Protein backbone atom coordinates (compact mmCIF):
# COMPACT_ATOMS: atom_id res chain seq x y z
CA MET A 1 -12.21 -11.12 11.74
CA GLY A 2 -12.21 -8.54 14.48
CA ASN A 3 -12.37 -11.22 17.19
CA MET A 4 -9.36 -13.19 15.96
CA ILE A 5 -6.52 -10.77 16.70
CA GLN A 6 -6.53 -9.69 20.32
CA ARG A 7 -5.57 -6.06 20.86
CA ASP A 8 -6.83 -3.13 22.85
CA GLU A 9 -9.46 -1.10 21.06
CA ILE A 10 -7.61 1.44 18.96
CA TYR A 11 -7.63 5.13 19.78
CA PHE A 12 -6.01 7.85 17.72
CA GLU A 13 -6.78 10.87 19.83
CA LYS A 14 -7.87 13.69 17.51
CA MET A 15 -6.71 12.04 14.31
CA VAL A 16 -8.16 8.97 12.60
CA PRO A 17 -6.48 6.68 10.04
CA TYR A 18 -8.01 6.54 6.59
CA HIS A 19 -8.17 4.02 3.79
CA ILE A 20 -7.22 5.99 0.69
CA ILE A 21 -7.79 4.90 -2.91
CA SER A 22 -6.10 6.90 -5.67
CA ARG A 23 -7.66 5.67 -8.90
CA ALA A 24 -6.64 6.61 -12.45
CA VAL A 25 -9.22 8.29 -14.68
CA GLU A 26 -10.97 6.16 -17.31
CA GLY A 27 -9.59 3.00 -15.69
CA ARG A 28 -6.25 3.89 -17.28
CA LYS A 29 -3.57 1.25 -16.62
CA ILE A 30 -0.84 3.45 -15.17
CA PHE A 31 1.09 0.89 -13.11
CA LEU A 32 1.96 -1.71 -15.74
CA GLU A 33 5.68 -0.93 -16.02
CA GLU A 34 8.13 -1.35 -13.15
CA ASN A 35 9.73 2.04 -13.84
CA ASP A 36 6.36 3.72 -13.29
CA LEU A 37 5.92 1.85 -10.02
CA TYR A 38 9.42 2.78 -8.88
CA ARG A 39 8.70 6.40 -9.74
CA CYS A 40 5.53 6.44 -7.65
CA ILE A 41 7.26 4.70 -4.72
CA PHE A 42 9.96 7.37 -4.78
CA GLN A 43 7.35 10.11 -5.13
CA MET A 44 5.38 8.78 -2.13
CA TYR A 45 8.48 8.83 0.06
CA ALA A 46 9.71 12.24 -1.08
CA ALA A 47 6.31 13.96 -0.92
CA ASN A 48 5.84 12.97 2.71
CA VAL A 49 8.85 15.03 3.81
CA GLY A 50 9.42 17.45 0.93
CA LYS A 51 10.03 16.90 -2.77
CA PRO A 52 12.39 15.15 -5.19
CA ALA A 53 15.53 17.04 -6.09
CA SER A 54 15.63 18.49 -9.61
CA ASN A 55 17.33 16.80 -12.56
CA ILE A 56 17.29 13.28 -11.12
CA ARG A 57 18.13 10.55 -13.59
CA ARG A 58 15.68 7.68 -14.08
CA GLN A 59 18.28 5.18 -12.91
CA ASP A 60 18.79 7.16 -9.70
CA ILE A 61 15.04 7.04 -9.03
CA LYS A 62 14.94 3.29 -9.54
CA LYS A 63 17.89 2.75 -7.18
CA ALA A 64 16.32 5.07 -4.60
CA ALA A 65 12.94 3.29 -4.86
CA LEU A 66 14.57 -0.11 -4.38
CA ALA A 67 16.44 1.25 -1.36
CA ILE A 68 13.17 2.60 0.07
CA LEU A 69 11.45 -0.75 -0.42
CA ASN A 70 14.35 -2.66 1.13
CA GLY A 71 14.76 -0.33 4.11
CA GLU A 72 18.15 0.98 3.02
CA GLU A 73 19.60 4.48 3.22
CA ILE A 74 18.76 6.87 0.40
CA PRO A 75 21.30 9.40 -0.94
CA LYS A 76 20.45 12.74 0.66
CA ASN A 77 20.97 14.65 -2.58
CA LEU A 78 17.91 12.96 -4.17
CA ILE A 79 15.32 14.48 -1.82
CA ILE A 80 14.83 18.03 -0.59
CA THR A 81 13.48 17.82 2.97
CA GLU A 82 11.08 20.68 3.69
CA HIS A 83 9.02 19.51 6.69
CA SER A 84 8.37 16.63 9.07
CA SER A 85 6.33 13.70 7.73
CA LEU A 86 2.78 14.63 6.77
CA VAL A 87 1.39 11.13 7.31
CA SER A 88 2.21 7.78 8.88
CA ARG A 89 1.59 4.86 6.55
CA PHE A 90 0.43 1.45 7.82
CA SER A 91 -0.24 -0.33 4.53
CA PHE A 92 -0.02 0.19 0.78
CA SER A 93 -0.54 -1.76 -2.41
CA PHE A 94 -0.48 -1.07 -6.14
CA VAL A 95 -2.91 -2.51 -8.64
CA ILE A 96 -2.79 -1.82 -12.37
CA ASN A 97 -4.99 1.29 -12.36
CA HIS A 98 -4.95 2.45 -8.72
CA ARG A 99 -3.16 2.28 -5.39
CA HIS A 100 -4.32 1.78 -1.81
CA GLU A 101 -2.88 3.29 1.37
CA ILE A 102 -3.82 3.26 5.05
CA LEU A 103 -2.71 6.65 6.34
CA LEU A 104 -2.76 8.44 9.67
CA PRO A 105 -2.34 12.23 9.35
CA ASN A 106 0.46 13.67 11.46
CA ILE A 107 -0.80 17.23 11.07
CA GLU A 108 -4.19 18.74 10.29
CA GLY A 109 -4.79 18.34 6.57
CA GLY A 110 -1.75 16.08 6.26
CA ILE A 111 -3.44 13.48 4.06
CA SER A 112 -4.81 16.02 1.59
CA LYS A 113 -1.48 17.81 1.33
CA TYR A 114 0.43 14.55 0.92
CA LEU A 115 -1.92 13.19 -1.78
CA GLN A 116 -1.87 16.43 -3.71
CA LYS A 117 1.93 16.33 -3.83
CA VAL A 118 2.15 12.63 -4.73
CA ASN A 119 -0.58 12.54 -7.34
CA ASN A 120 0.39 15.82 -9.00
CA GLY A 121 4.04 14.82 -9.09
CA PHE A 122 3.36 11.41 -10.60
CA ALA A 123 0.82 12.87 -13.07
CA LYS A 124 3.41 15.37 -14.30
CA TYR A 125 5.89 12.54 -14.92
CA TYR A 126 3.27 10.27 -16.54
CA ASN A 127 1.80 12.97 -18.78
CA LEU A 128 5.23 14.01 -20.00
CA LYS A 129 6.10 10.38 -20.75
CA HIS A 130 2.86 9.78 -22.68
CA ASN A 131 2.51 13.24 -24.24
CA ARG A 132 -0.88 13.96 -22.64
CA LYS A 133 -2.41 16.97 -20.87
CA ALA A 134 -5.20 15.99 -18.50
CA ASN A 135 -5.95 14.91 -14.95
CA LEU A 136 -4.53 11.47 -14.22
CA PHE A 137 -6.32 10.62 -10.95
CA GLU A 138 -10.02 10.77 -10.21
CA ARG A 139 -11.20 13.63 -8.02
CA PRO A 140 -12.04 13.60 -5.27
CA TYR A 141 -9.97 10.66 -4.05
CA LYS A 142 -11.79 8.06 -1.98
CA ALA A 143 -11.14 8.28 1.78
CA VAL A 144 -12.81 6.07 4.39
CA PRO A 145 -12.09 6.55 8.13
CA VAL A 146 -11.06 3.48 10.12
CA THR A 147 -12.79 3.53 13.51
CA THR A 148 -13.05 -0.07 14.79
CA ASN A 149 -10.84 -3.13 15.16
CA SER A 150 -13.07 -5.28 12.95
CA GLN A 151 -12.91 -2.67 10.21
CA LEU A 152 -9.13 -2.49 10.56
CA ASP A 153 -8.73 -6.29 10.40
CA ALA A 154 -10.80 -6.50 7.23
CA LEU A 155 -8.91 -3.59 5.71
CA ILE A 156 -5.48 -5.10 6.40
CA CYS A 157 -6.43 -8.12 4.31
CA TYR A 158 -8.23 -6.09 1.68
CA VAL A 159 -5.18 -3.91 1.02
CA ASN A 160 -2.41 -6.47 1.57
CA VAL A 161 -4.04 -9.67 0.29
CA LYS A 162 -7.06 -9.07 -1.92
CA ASN A 163 -5.52 -6.32 -4.05
CA PRO A 164 -2.11 -7.92 -4.67
CA LEU A 165 -3.92 -11.13 -5.61
CA ASP A 166 -5.88 -9.09 -8.17
CA VAL A 167 -2.51 -8.48 -9.82
CA TYR A 168 -1.57 -12.14 -9.56
CA GLN A 169 -4.90 -13.42 -10.92
CA PRO A 170 -7.50 -10.85 -12.01
CA HIS A 171 -11.07 -11.63 -10.87
CA TRP A 172 -9.82 -14.36 -8.49
CA SER A 173 -12.46 -13.47 -5.91
CA GLU A 174 -15.20 -14.41 -8.37
CA LYS A 175 -13.56 -17.42 -10.01
CA GLY A 176 -11.43 -18.85 -7.20
CA LEU A 177 -7.65 -19.05 -6.93
CA LYS A 178 -6.02 -21.45 -9.35
CA ASN A 179 -3.20 -22.36 -6.99
CA LEU A 180 -3.07 -21.45 -3.30
CA LYS A 181 0.63 -22.17 -2.86
CA GLU A 182 1.59 -20.03 -5.84
CA ALA A 183 -0.71 -17.27 -4.61
CA ARG A 184 0.99 -17.24 -1.20
CA LEU A 185 4.40 -17.13 -2.87
CA PHE A 186 3.28 -14.20 -5.00
CA LEU A 187 2.07 -12.31 -1.93
CA GLU A 188 5.38 -12.86 -0.17
CA ASN A 189 7.40 -11.64 -3.16
CA TYR A 190 5.23 -8.89 -4.62
CA GLN A 191 7.35 -5.90 -3.71
CA PHE A 192 4.75 -3.24 -4.55
CA SER A 193 2.68 -3.83 -1.42
CA SER A 194 3.30 -3.81 2.32
CA PHE A 195 2.59 -7.55 2.62
CA PRO A 196 6.33 -8.42 2.82
CA ASP A 197 6.69 -5.88 5.65
CA LEU A 198 3.67 -6.82 7.75
CA PHE A 199 3.98 -10.58 7.30
CA GLY A 200 7.62 -11.04 6.29
CA GLU A 201 11.10 -9.77 7.05
CA ARG A 202 11.20 -6.65 4.87
CA ASN A 203 11.34 -3.24 6.57
CA CYS A 204 10.23 -0.76 3.92
CA LYS A 205 10.91 2.91 4.61
CA LEU A 206 7.44 3.88 3.38
CA LEU A 207 5.85 2.42 6.50
CA ALA A 208 5.63 3.73 10.03
CA PRO A 209 8.18 2.25 12.49
CA LYS A 210 7.61 -1.41 13.39
CA SER A 211 6.80 -0.54 16.99
CA GLU A 212 4.01 1.80 15.86
CA ILE A 213 2.68 -0.75 13.35
CA GLU A 214 2.61 -3.48 16.00
CA LYS A 215 0.73 -1.20 18.37
CA ILE A 216 -1.92 -0.43 15.78
CA LEU A 217 -2.20 -3.65 13.78
CA GLY A 218 -1.41 -6.19 16.48
CA LYS A 219 1.91 -7.73 17.43
CA GLU A 220 0.61 -11.25 16.84
CA ILE A 221 -0.07 -10.61 13.15
CA ILE A 222 3.39 -9.22 12.56
CA LYS A 223 5.52 -11.75 14.44
CA ASN A 224 3.63 -15.05 14.60
CA ARG A 225 3.56 -16.95 11.30
CA GLU A 226 0.87 -19.39 12.41
CA VAL A 227 -1.44 -16.55 13.37
CA TYR A 228 -0.62 -14.84 10.09
CA LEU A 229 -1.48 -17.95 8.05
CA LYS A 230 -4.74 -18.40 9.95
CA PHE A 231 -5.53 -14.71 9.50
CA ILE A 232 -5.00 -14.89 5.72
CA GLU A 233 -6.78 -18.21 5.24
CA ASP A 234 -9.78 -17.05 7.28
CA TYR A 235 -9.97 -14.04 5.01
CA LEU A 236 -9.81 -16.17 1.87
CA ASN A 237 -12.44 -18.55 3.21
CA LYS A 238 -14.80 -15.70 4.08
CA LYS A 239 -14.14 -13.97 0.78
CA LEU A 240 -14.83 -17.09 -1.24
CA ILE A 241 -17.44 -18.80 0.90
CA ALA A 242 -20.06 -18.59 -1.83
CA LEU A 243 -17.94 -20.55 -4.30
CA SER A 244 -18.57 -24.25 -4.79
CA SER A 245 -14.81 -24.89 -4.70
CA LEU A 246 -12.40 -22.62 -2.82
CA PHE A 247 -9.40 -23.42 -5.00
CA LEU A 248 -9.50 -24.80 -8.50
CA GLU A 249 -6.28 -26.71 -7.97
CA GLU A 250 -3.61 -27.12 -5.31
């Protein structure tokens, strides 16, 4: 896949982007309910620049999370800004028991500080809701540096395509997709990933500015639908090449 999208070899000076996986302990299904997803979206945004304000109502968090996802302004009284952004985010996706992010640290130790704030904040909310007292996320979190274009290309699809499709149809990569058209539609409309931002019209506030994303990920992927479709279909073909039938039905 690294040869398909033409871009200069990426350089990040002293800092390197990382693929981060925050996985729940015991395979616990922590992202089944939309309110939990909205809470984590809000927590991810707030933790990057500070912390949520105290005594926020659940409905306010949901409205703020939807605004974040849709690229709209967020009421200033909901977030206490304490510092500049700790990380720049190039991709994210939620699965039932974990989440993926591609992060570039903006300061030394930025990723660790950001993840500690996000995961501890969400765990506090989740444990209170479910009357439990224990770690919620596995430690240490999984972090893999991204150092080449081919690795980045594969990772873009892994985070933005493979994982959302795991929500759409669990174990699809072993059994084959039941319906390609429906799968594409799901990807385009699944709001808890960066797919609609990278390959659609959404401009989520969780992500780095479009100009920075285009520089890193490749302008052709972001703006050219034909290249995008080829990019995704090549990924699916490579992922499922061992299957006797790529799709069970069209």
